[in-house]
């Protein structure tokens, strides 16, 4: 069976995630670069938060960093629809 995303309307969540990470890092006078994004791709939540906090030497706990973007995502994505056939 072949699956194609052709003509499927999928929100651009990657740009939103990068923008959110940059906004958070800007609060600490640092930059969230694409190289860090590549490093954390696929990591579970707290593990990616630990990596970000340690790499950028942010003055907050990984748990706090993990919670901050989640609050923003919950405000921005509540109306996002799941892709047809997707099951949680």
PDB file of N, CA and C in Angstrom:
ATOM      1  N   UNK A   1       0.849  -1.170   0.000  1.00  0.00           N
ATOM      2  CA  UNK A   1       0.000   0.000   0.000  1.00  0.00           C
ATOM      3  C   UNK A   1       0.897   1.236   0.000  1.00  0.00           C
ATOM      4  N   UNK A   2       0.610   2.145  -0.869  1.00  0.00           N
ATOM      5  CA  UNK A   2       1.349   3.401  -0.927  1.00  0.00           C
ATOM      6  C   UNK A   2       0.551   4.496  -0.234  1.00  0.00           C
ATOM      7  N   UNK A   3       1.274   5.345   0.474  1.00  0.00           N
ATOM      8  CA  UNK A   3       0.631   6.476   1.136  1.00  0.00           C
ATOM      9  C   UNK A   3       1.325   7.733   0.663  1.00  0.00           C
ATOM     10  N   UNK A   4       0.544   8.711   0.247  1.00  0.00           N
ATOM     11  CA  UNK A   4       1.104   9.954  -0.252  1.00  0.00           C
ATOM     12  C   UNK A   4       0.452  11.123   0.463  1.00  0.00           C
ATOM     13  N   UNK A   5       1.265  12.131   0.775  1.00  0.00           N
ATOM     14  CA  UNK A   5       0.734  13.353   1.368  1.00  0.00           C
ATOM     15  C   UNK A   5       0.329  14.357   0.300  1.00  0.00           C
ATOM     16  N   UNK A   6       0.431  13.956  -0.975  1.00  0.00           N
ATOM     17  CA  UNK A   6       0.078  14.839  -2.073  1.00  0.00           C
ATOM     18  C   UNK A   6      -1.371  15.306  -1.918  1.00  0.00           C
ATOM     19  N   UNK A   7      -1.557  16.600  -1.987  1.00  0.00           N
ATOM     20  CA  UNK A   7      -2.865  17.241  -1.905  1.00  0.00           C
ATOM     21  C   UNK A   7      -3.523  17.083  -0.535  1.00  0.00           C
ATOM     22  N   UNK A   8      -2.765  16.700   0.461  1.00  0.00           N
ATOM     23  CA  UNK A   8      -3.294  16.582   1.810  1.00  0.00           C
ATOM     24  C   UNK A   8      -2.974  17.879   2.551  1.00  0.00           C
ATOM     25  N   UNK A   9      -3.964  18.493   3.142  1.00  0.00           N
ATOM     26  CA  UNK A   9      -3.732  19.735   3.882  1.00  0.00           C
ATOM     27  C   UNK A   9      -3.214  19.413   5.276  1.00  0.00           C
ATOM     28  N   UNK A  10      -1.931  19.649   5.482  1.00  0.00           N
ATOM     29  CA  UNK A  10      -1.288  19.398   6.759  1.00  0.00           C
ATOM     30  C   UNK A  10      -0.763  20.733   7.273  1.00  0.00           C
ATOM     31  N   UNK A  11      -1.074  21.103   8.511  1.00  0.00           N
ATOM     32  CA  UNK A  11      -0.585  22.372   9.037  1.00  0.00           C
ATOM     33  C   UNK A  11       0.944  22.388   9.079  1.00  0.00           C
ATOM     34  N   UNK A  12       1.526  23.552   8.916  1.00  0.00           N
ATOM     35  CA  UNK A  12       2.975  23.703   8.954  1.00  0.00           C
ATOM     36  C   UNK A  12       3.422  23.812  10.400  1.00  0.00           C
ATOM     37  N   UNK A  13       3.398  22.690  11.090  1.00  0.00           N
ATOM     38  CA  UNK A  13       3.741  22.694  12.505  1.00  0.00           C
ATOM     39  C   UNK A  13       5.237  22.903  12.726  1.00  0.00           C
ATOM     40  N   UNK A  14       6.074  22.514  11.772  1.00  0.00           N
ATOM     41  CA  UNK A  14       7.519  22.679  11.936  1.00  0.00           C
ATOM     42  C   UNK A  14       7.894  24.151  12.079  1.00  0.00           C
ATOM     43  N   UNK A  15       7.348  25.003  11.210  1.00  0.00           N
ATOM     44  CA  UNK A  15       7.630  26.437  11.308  1.00  0.00           C
ATOM     45  C   UNK A  15       7.129  26.995  12.629  1.00  0.00           C
ATOM     46  N   UNK A  16       5.964  26.548  13.052  1.00  0.00           N
ATOM     47  CA  UNK A  16       5.405  27.015  14.312  1.00  0.00           C
ATOM     48  C   UNK A  16       6.283  26.592  15.486  1.00  0.00           C
ATOM     49  N   UNK A  17       6.766  25.353  15.462  1.00  0.00           N
ATOM     50  CA  UNK A  17       7.623  24.870  16.550  1.00  0.00           C
ATOM     51  C   UNK A  17       8.938  25.637  16.601  1.00  0.00           C
ATOM     52  N   UNK A  18       9.536  25.910  15.440  1.00  0.00           N
ATOM     53  CA  UNK A  18      10.788  26.678  15.404  1.00  0.00           C
ATOM     54  C   UNK A  18      10.550  28.099  15.902  1.00  0.00           C
ATOM     55  N   UNK A  19       9.454  28.706  15.492  1.00  0.00           N
ATOM     56  CA  UNK A  19       9.131  30.063  15.923  1.00  0.00           C
ATOM     57  C   UNK A  19       8.942  30.105  17.438  1.00  0.00           C
ATOM     58  N   UNK A  20       8.232  29.136  17.977  1.00  0.00           N
ATOM     59  CA  UNK A  20       7.994  29.082  19.417  1.00  0.00           C
ATOM     60  C   UNK A  20       9.297  28.897  20.183  1.00  0.00           C
ATOM     61  N   UNK A  21      10.138  27.988  19.706  1.00  0.00           N
ATOM     62  CA  UNK A  21      11.428  27.759  20.361  1.00  0.00           C
ATOM     63  C   UNK A  21      12.288  29.018  20.313  1.00  0.00           C
ATOM     64  N   UNK A  22      12.291  29.703  19.181  1.00  0.00           N
ATOM     65  CA  UNK A  22      13.062  30.946  19.073  1.00  0.00           C
ATOM     66  C   UNK A  22      12.532  32.021  20.013  1.00  0.00           C
ATOM     67  N   UNK A  23      11.224  32.137  20.127  1.00  0.00           N
ATOM     68  CA  UNK A  23      10.645  33.123  21.041  1.00  0.00           C
ATOM     69  C   UNK A  23      11.058  32.836  22.488  1.00  0.00           C
ATOM     70  N   UNK A  24      10.992  31.557  22.870  1.00  0.00           N
ATOM     71  CA  UNK A  24      11.401  31.189  24.226  1.00  0.00           C
ATOM     72  C   UNK A  24      12.880  31.493  24.456  1.00  0.00           C
ATOM     73  N   UNK A  25      13.712  31.127  23.493  1.00  0.00           N
ATOM     74  CA  UNK A  25      15.155  31.352  23.641  1.00  0.00           C
ATOM     75  C   UNK A  25      15.500  32.835  23.617  1.00  0.00           C
ATOM     76  N   UNK A  26      14.763  33.610  22.849  1.00  0.00           N
ATOM     77  CA  UNK A  26      15.001  35.059  22.823  1.00  0.00           C
ATOM     78  C   UNK A  26      14.801  35.679  24.203  1.00  0.00           C
ATOM     79  N   UNK A  27      13.905  35.099  24.993  1.00  0.00           N
ATOM     80  CA  UNK A  27      13.695  35.591  26.358  1.00  0.00           C
ATOM     81  C   UNK A  27      14.956  35.448  27.206  1.00  0.00           C
ATOM     82  N   UNK A  28      15.860  34.554  26.781  1.00  0.00           N
ATOM     83  CA  UNK A  28      17.101  34.308  27.513  1.00  0.00           C
ATOM     84  C   UNK A  28      18.324  34.759  26.708  1.00  0.00           C
ATOM     85  N   UNK A  29      18.076  35.640  25.736  1.00  0.00           N
ATOM     86  CA  UNK A  29      19.146  36.204  24.902  1.00  0.00           C
ATOM     87  C   UNK A  29      20.000  35.142  24.219  1.00  0.00           C
ATOM     88  N   UNK A  30      19.360  34.129  23.706  1.00  0.00           N
ATOM     89  CA  UNK A  30      20.050  33.093  22.956  1.00  0.00           C
ATOM     90  C   UNK A  30      19.239  32.740  21.713  1.00  0.00           C
ATOM     91  N   UNK A  31      19.846  32.011  20.812  1.00  0.00           N
ATOM     92  CA  UNK A  31      19.201  31.679  19.542  1.00  0.00           C
ATOM     93  C   UNK A  31      19.036  30.164  19.428  1.00  0.00           C
ATOM     94  N   UNK A  32      17.857  29.753  19.041  1.00  0.00           N
ATOM     95  CA  UNK A  32      17.575  28.345  18.783  1.00  0.00           C
ATOM     96  C   UNK A  32      17.879  28.092  17.312  1.00  0.00           C
ATOM     97  N   UNK A  33      18.982  27.430  17.039  1.00  0.00           N
ATOM     98  CA  UNK A  33      19.417  27.211  15.652  1.00  0.00           C
ATOM     99  C   UNK A  33      18.918  25.884  15.123  1.00  0.00           C
ATOM    100  N   UNK A  34      18.899  25.793  13.803  1.00  0.00           N
ATOM    101  CA  UNK A  34      18.419  24.585  13.131  1.00  0.00           C
ATOM    102  C   UNK A  34      19.250  23.369  13.536  1.00  0.00           C
ATOM    103  N   UNK A  35      20.533  23.544  13.784  1.00  0.00           N
ATOM    104  CA  UNK A  35      21.385  22.417  14.176  1.00  0.00           C
ATOM    105  C   UNK A  35      20.886  21.780  15.484  1.00  0.00           C
ATOM    106  N   UNK A  36      20.406  22.601  16.392  1.00  0.00           N
ATOM    107  CA  UNK A  36      19.846  22.067  17.631  1.00  0.00           C
ATOM    108  C   UNK A  36      18.535  21.359  17.347  1.00  0.00           C
ATOM    109  N   UNK A  37      17.742  21.908  16.465  1.00  0.00           N
ATOM    110  CA  UNK A  37      16.476  21.263  16.099  1.00  0.00           C
ATOM    111  C   UNK A  37      16.742  19.876  15.528  1.00  0.00           C
ATOM    112  N   UNK A  38      17.760  19.765  14.681  1.00  0.00           N
ATOM    113  CA  UNK A  38      18.114  18.459  14.124  1.00  0.00           C
ATOM    114  C   UNK A  38      18.532  17.485  15.228  1.00  0.00           C
ATOM    115  N   UNK A  39      19.238  17.989  16.229  1.00  0.00           N
ATOM    116  CA  UNK A  39      19.723  17.158  17.331  1.00  0.00           C
ATOM    117  C   UNK A  39      18.586  16.600  18.186  1.00  0.00           C
ATOM    118  N   UNK A  40      17.501  17.376  18.330  1.00  0.00           N
ATOM    119  CA  UNK A  40      16.412  16.951  19.221  1.00  0.00           C
ATOM    120  C   UNK A  40      15.274  16.235  18.505  1.00  0.00           C
ATOM    121  N   UNK A  41      15.282  16.249  17.182  1.00  0.00           N
ATOM    122  CA  UNK A  41      14.190  15.600  16.436  1.00  0.00           C
ATOM    123  C   UNK A  41      14.058  14.139  16.852  1.00  0.00           C
ATOM    124  N   UNK A  42      12.854  13.751  17.187  1.00  0.00           N
ATOM    125  CA  UNK A  42      12.567  12.370  17.546  1.00  0.00           C
ATOM    126  C   UNK A  42      12.758  12.039  19.018  1.00  0.00           C
ATOM    127  N   UNK A  43      13.320  12.977  19.781  1.00  0.00           N
ATOM    128  CA  UNK A  43      13.497  12.710  21.211  1.00  0.00           C
ATOM    129  C   UNK A  43      12.174  12.883  21.947  1.00  0.00           C
ATOM    130  N   UNK A  44      11.948  12.080  22.989  1.00  0.00           N
ATOM    131  CA  UNK A  44      10.749  12.278  23.806  1.00  0.00           C
ATOM    132  C   UNK A  44      10.810  13.633  24.511  1.00  0.00           C
ATOM    133  N   UNK A  45       9.658  14.140  24.911  1.00  0.00           N
ATOM    134  CA  UNK A  45       9.499  15.472  25.464  1.00  0.00           C
ATOM    135  C   UNK A  45      10.539  15.949  26.457  1.00  0.00           C
ATOM    136  N   UNK A  46      10.649  15.277  27.587  1.00  0.00           N
ATOM    137  CA  UNK A  46      11.590  15.762  28.596  1.00  0.00           C
ATOM    138  C   UNK A  46      13.036  15.584  28.158  1.00  0.00           C
ATOM    139  N   UNK A  47      13.303  14.598  27.334  1.00  0.00           N
ATOM    140  CA  UNK A  47      14.669  14.409  26.841  1.00  0.00           C
ATOM    141  C   UNK A  47      15.057  15.550  25.904  1.00  0.00           C
ATOM    142  N   UNK A  48      14.137  15.964  25.022  1.00  0.00           N
ATOM    143  CA  UNK A  48      14.473  17.098  24.149  1.00  0.00           C
ATOM    144  C   UNK A  48      14.601  18.378  24.969  1.00  0.00           C
ATOM    145  N   UNK A  49      13.774  18.529  26.003  1.00  0.00           N
ATOM    146  CA  UNK A  49      13.872  19.721  26.859  1.00  0.00           C
ATOM    147  C   UNK A  49      15.206  19.744  27.603  1.00  0.00           C
ATOM    148  N   UNK A  50      15.647  18.583  28.111  1.00  0.00           N
ATOM    149  CA  UNK A  50      16.947  18.509  28.787  1.00  0.00           C
ATOM    150  C   UNK A  50      18.074  18.892  27.839  1.00  0.00           C
ATOM    151  N   UNK A  51      18.000  18.410  26.606  1.00  0.00           N
ATOM    152  CA  UNK A  51      19.035  18.701  25.608  1.00  0.00           C
ATOM    153  C   UNK A  51      19.086  20.190  25.304  1.00  0.00           C
ATOM    154  N   UNK A  52      17.924  20.812  25.128  1.00  0.00           N
ATOM    155  CA  UNK A  52      17.867  22.251  24.830  1.00  0.00           C
ATOM    156  C   UNK A  52      18.418  23.064  25.991  1.00  0.00           C
ATOM    157  N   UNK A  53      17.947  22.784  27.204  1.00  0.00           N
ATOM    158  CA  UNK A  53      18.374  23.539  28.379  1.00  0.00           C
ATOM    159  C   UNK A  53      19.885  23.394  28.586  1.00  0.00           C
ATOM    160  N   UNK A  54      20.411  22.176  28.439  1.00  0.00           N
ATOM    161  CA  UNK A  54      21.842  21.947  28.636  1.00  0.00           C
ATOM    162  C   UNK A  54      22.669  22.594  27.526  1.00  0.00           C
ATOM    163  N   UNK A  55      22.241  22.440  26.275  1.00  0.00           N
ATOM    164  CA  UNK A  55      23.005  22.971  25.147  1.00  0.00           C
ATOM    165  C   UNK A  55      23.054  24.490  25.161  1.00  0.00           C
ATOM    166  N   UNK A  56      21.927  25.121  25.488  1.00  0.00           N
ATOM    167  CA  UNK A  56      21.851  26.581  25.460  1.00  0.00           C
ATOM    168  C   UNK A  56      22.106  27.223  26.825  1.00  0.00           C
ATOM    169  N   UNK A  57      22.359  26.389  27.837  1.00  0.00           N
ATOM    170  CA  UNK A  57      22.635  26.879  29.193  1.00  0.00           C
ATOM    171  C   UNK A  57      21.519  27.812  29.680  1.00  0.00           C
ATOM    172  N   UNK A  58      20.281  27.360  29.485  1.00  0.00           N
ATOM    173  CA  UNK A  58      19.135  28.169  29.893  1.00  0.00           C
ATOM    174  C   UNK A  58      18.958  28.109  31.410  1.00  0.00           C
ATOM    175  N   UNK A  59      18.560  29.220  32.025  1.00  0.00           N
ATOM    176  CA  UNK A  59      18.426  29.280  33.483  1.00  0.00           C
ATOM    177  C   UNK A  59      17.064  28.793  33.988  1.00  0.00           C
ATOM    178  N   UNK A  60      16.649  27.629  33.523  1.00  0.00           N
ATOM    179  CA  UNK A  60      15.407  27.042  34.001  1.00  0.00           C
ATOM    180  C   UNK A  60      15.523  25.535  33.895  1.00  0.00           C
ATOM    181  N   UNK A  61      14.634  24.846  34.573  1.00  0.00           N
ATOM    182  CA  UNK A  61      14.674  23.385  34.566  1.00  0.00           C
ATOM    183  C   UNK A  61      14.140  22.853  33.238  1.00  0.00           C
ATOM    184  N   UNK A  62      14.557  21.647  32.858  1.00  0.00           N
ATOM    185  CA  UNK A  62      13.994  21.030  31.655  1.00  0.00           C
ATOM    186  C   UNK A  62      12.469  20.898  31.750  1.00  0.00           C
ATOM    187  N   UNK A  63      11.978  20.608  32.953  1.00  0.00           N
ATOM    188  CA  UNK A  63      10.526  20.475  33.135  1.00  0.00           C
ATOM    189  C   UNK A  63       9.811  21.788  32.829  1.00  0.00           C
ATOM    190  N   UNK A  64      10.393  22.902  33.275  1.00  0.00           N
ATOM    191  CA  UNK A  64       9.791  24.209  33.013  1.00  0.00           C
ATOM    192  C   UNK A  64       9.863  24.529  31.527  1.00  0.00           C
ATOM    193  N   UNK A  65      11.013  24.251  30.886  1.00  0.00           N
ATOM    194  CA  UNK A  65      11.133  24.508  29.456  1.00  0.00           C
ATOM    195  C   UNK A  65      10.109  23.677  28.678  1.00  0.00           C
ATOM    196  N   UNK A  66       9.919  22.443  29.093  1.00  0.00           N
ATOM    197  CA  UNK A  66       8.967  21.551  28.431  1.00  0.00           C
ATOM    198  C   UNK A  66       7.547  22.090  28.538  1.00  0.00           C
ATOM    199  N   UNK A  67       7.212  22.675  29.676  1.00  0.00           N
ATOM    200  CA  UNK A  67       5.850  23.170  29.909  1.00  0.00           C
ATOM    201  C   UNK A  67       5.559  24.467  29.146  1.00  0.00           C
ATOM    202  N   UNK A  68       6.535  25.347  29.010  1.00  0.00           N
ATOM    203  CA  UNK A  68       6.298  26.652  28.362  1.00  0.00           C
ATOM    204  C   UNK A  68       5.774  26.541  26.928  1.00  0.00           C
ATOM    205  N   UNK A  69       6.414  25.791  26.038  1.00  0.00           N
ATOM    206  CA  UNK A  69       5.857  25.712  24.685  1.00  0.00           C
ATOM    207  C   UNK A  69       4.539  24.933  24.637  1.00  0.00           C
ATOM    208  N   UNK A  70       4.372  23.977  25.545  1.00  0.00           N
ATOM    209  CA  UNK A  70       3.112  23.216  25.572  1.00  0.00           C
ATOM    210  C   UNK A  70       1.925  24.149  25.794  1.00  0.00           C
ATOM    211  N   UNK A  71       2.095  25.143  26.655  1.00  0.00           N
ATOM    212  CA  UNK A  71       1.026  26.111  26.911  1.00  0.00           C
ATOM    213  C   UNK A  71       0.692  26.867  25.619  1.00  0.00           C
ATOM    214  N   UNK A  72       1.724  27.245  24.888  1.00  0.00           N
ATOM    215  CA  UNK A  72       1.507  27.982  23.639  1.00  0.00           C
ATOM    216  C   UNK A  72       0.868  27.072  22.577  1.00  0.00           C
ATOM    217  N   UNK A  73       1.325  25.822  22.500  1.00  0.00           N
ATOM    218  CA  UNK A  73       0.764  24.884  21.532  1.00  0.00           C
ATOM    219  C   UNK A  73      -0.719  24.637  21.798  1.00  0.00           C
ATOM    220  N   UNK A  74      -1.070  24.497  23.067  1.00  0.00           N
ATOM    221  CA  UNK A  74      -2.466  24.237  23.415  1.00  0.00           C
ATOM    222  C   UNK A  74      -3.365  25.400  23.004  1.00  0.00           C
ATOM    223  N   UNK A  75      -2.836  26.620  23.031  1.00  0.00           N
ATOM    224  CA  UNK A  75      -3.605  27.786  22.607  1.00  0.00           C
ATOM    225  C   UNK A  75      -3.707  27.865  21.088  1.00  0.00           C
ATOM    226  N   UNK A  76      -2.673  27.419  20.398  1.00  0.00           N
ATOM    227  CA  UNK A  76      -2.613  27.595  18.951  1.00  0.00           C
ATOM    228  C   UNK A  76      -3.153  26.411  18.154  1.00  0.00           C
ATOM    229  N   UNK A  77      -3.123  25.220  18.726  1.00  0.00           N
ATOM    230  CA  UNK A  77      -3.516  24.032  17.981  1.00  0.00           C
ATOM    231  C   UNK A  77      -4.848  23.405  18.386  1.00  0.00           C
ATOM    232  N   UNK A  78      -5.680  24.050  19.190  1.00  0.00           N
ATOM    233  CA  UNK A  78      -6.887  23.332  19.614  1.00  0.00           C
ATOM    234  C   UNK A  78      -7.835  23.002  18.474  1.00  0.00           C
ATOM    235  N   UNK A  79      -7.775  23.750  17.399  1.00  0.00           N
ATOM    236  CA  UNK A  79      -8.688  23.484  16.290  1.00  0.00           C
ATOM    237  C   UNK A  79      -8.059  22.629  15.204  1.00  0.00           C
ATOM    238  N   UNK A  80      -6.802  22.213  15.393  1.00  0.00           N
ATOM    239  CA  UNK A  80      -6.145  21.385  14.387  1.00  0.00           C
ATOM    240  C   UNK A  80      -6.855  20.041  14.290  1.00  0.00           C
ATOM    241  N   UNK A  81      -7.076  19.609  13.097  1.00  0.00           N
ATOM    242  CA  UNK A  81      -7.757  18.341  12.869  1.00  0.00           C
ATOM    243  C   UNK A  81      -6.726  17.253  12.588  1.00  0.00           C
ATOM    244  N   UNK A  82      -7.033  16.033  13.009  1.00  0.00           N
ATOM    245  CA  UNK A  82      -6.145  14.916  12.739  1.00  0.00           C
ATOM    246  C   UNK A  82      -6.232  14.522  11.273  1.00  0.00           C
ATOM    247  N   UNK A  83      -5.150  13.971  10.761  1.00  0.00           N
ATOM    248  CA  UNK A  83      -5.134  13.471   9.389  1.00  0.00           C
ATOM    249  C   UNK A  83      -6.067  12.273   9.317  1.00  0.00           C
ATOM    250  N   UNK A  84      -6.831  12.176   8.255  1.00  0.00           N
ATOM    251  CA  UNK A  84      -7.768  11.063   8.075  1.00  0.00           C
ATOM    252  C   UNK A  84      -7.016   9.738   8.211  1.00  0.00           C
ATOM    253  N   UNK A  85      -7.554   8.841   9.009  1.00  0.00           N
ATOM    254  CA  UNK A  85      -6.943   7.553   9.210  1.00  0.00           C
ATOM    255  C   UNK A  85      -5.967   7.518  10.372  1.00  0.00           C
ATOM    256  N   UNK A  86      -5.640   8.662  10.928  1.00  0.00           N
ATOM    257  CA  UNK A  86      -4.705   8.719  12.055  1.00  0.00           C
ATOM    258  C   UNK A  86      -5.435   8.306  13.312  1.00  0.00           C
ATOM    259  N   UNK A  87      -4.793   7.463  14.107  1.00  0.00           N
ATOM    260  CA  UNK A  87      -5.383   7.040  15.366  1.00  0.00           C
ATOM    261  C   UNK A  87      -4.376   7.261  16.477  1.00  0.00           C
ATOM    262  N   UNK A  88      -4.850   7.698  17.607  1.00  0.00           N
ATOM    263  CA  UNK A  88      -3.965   7.892  18.769  1.00  0.00           C
ATOM    264  C   UNK A  88      -4.033   6.677  19.661  1.00  0.00           C
TER     265      UNK A  88
END
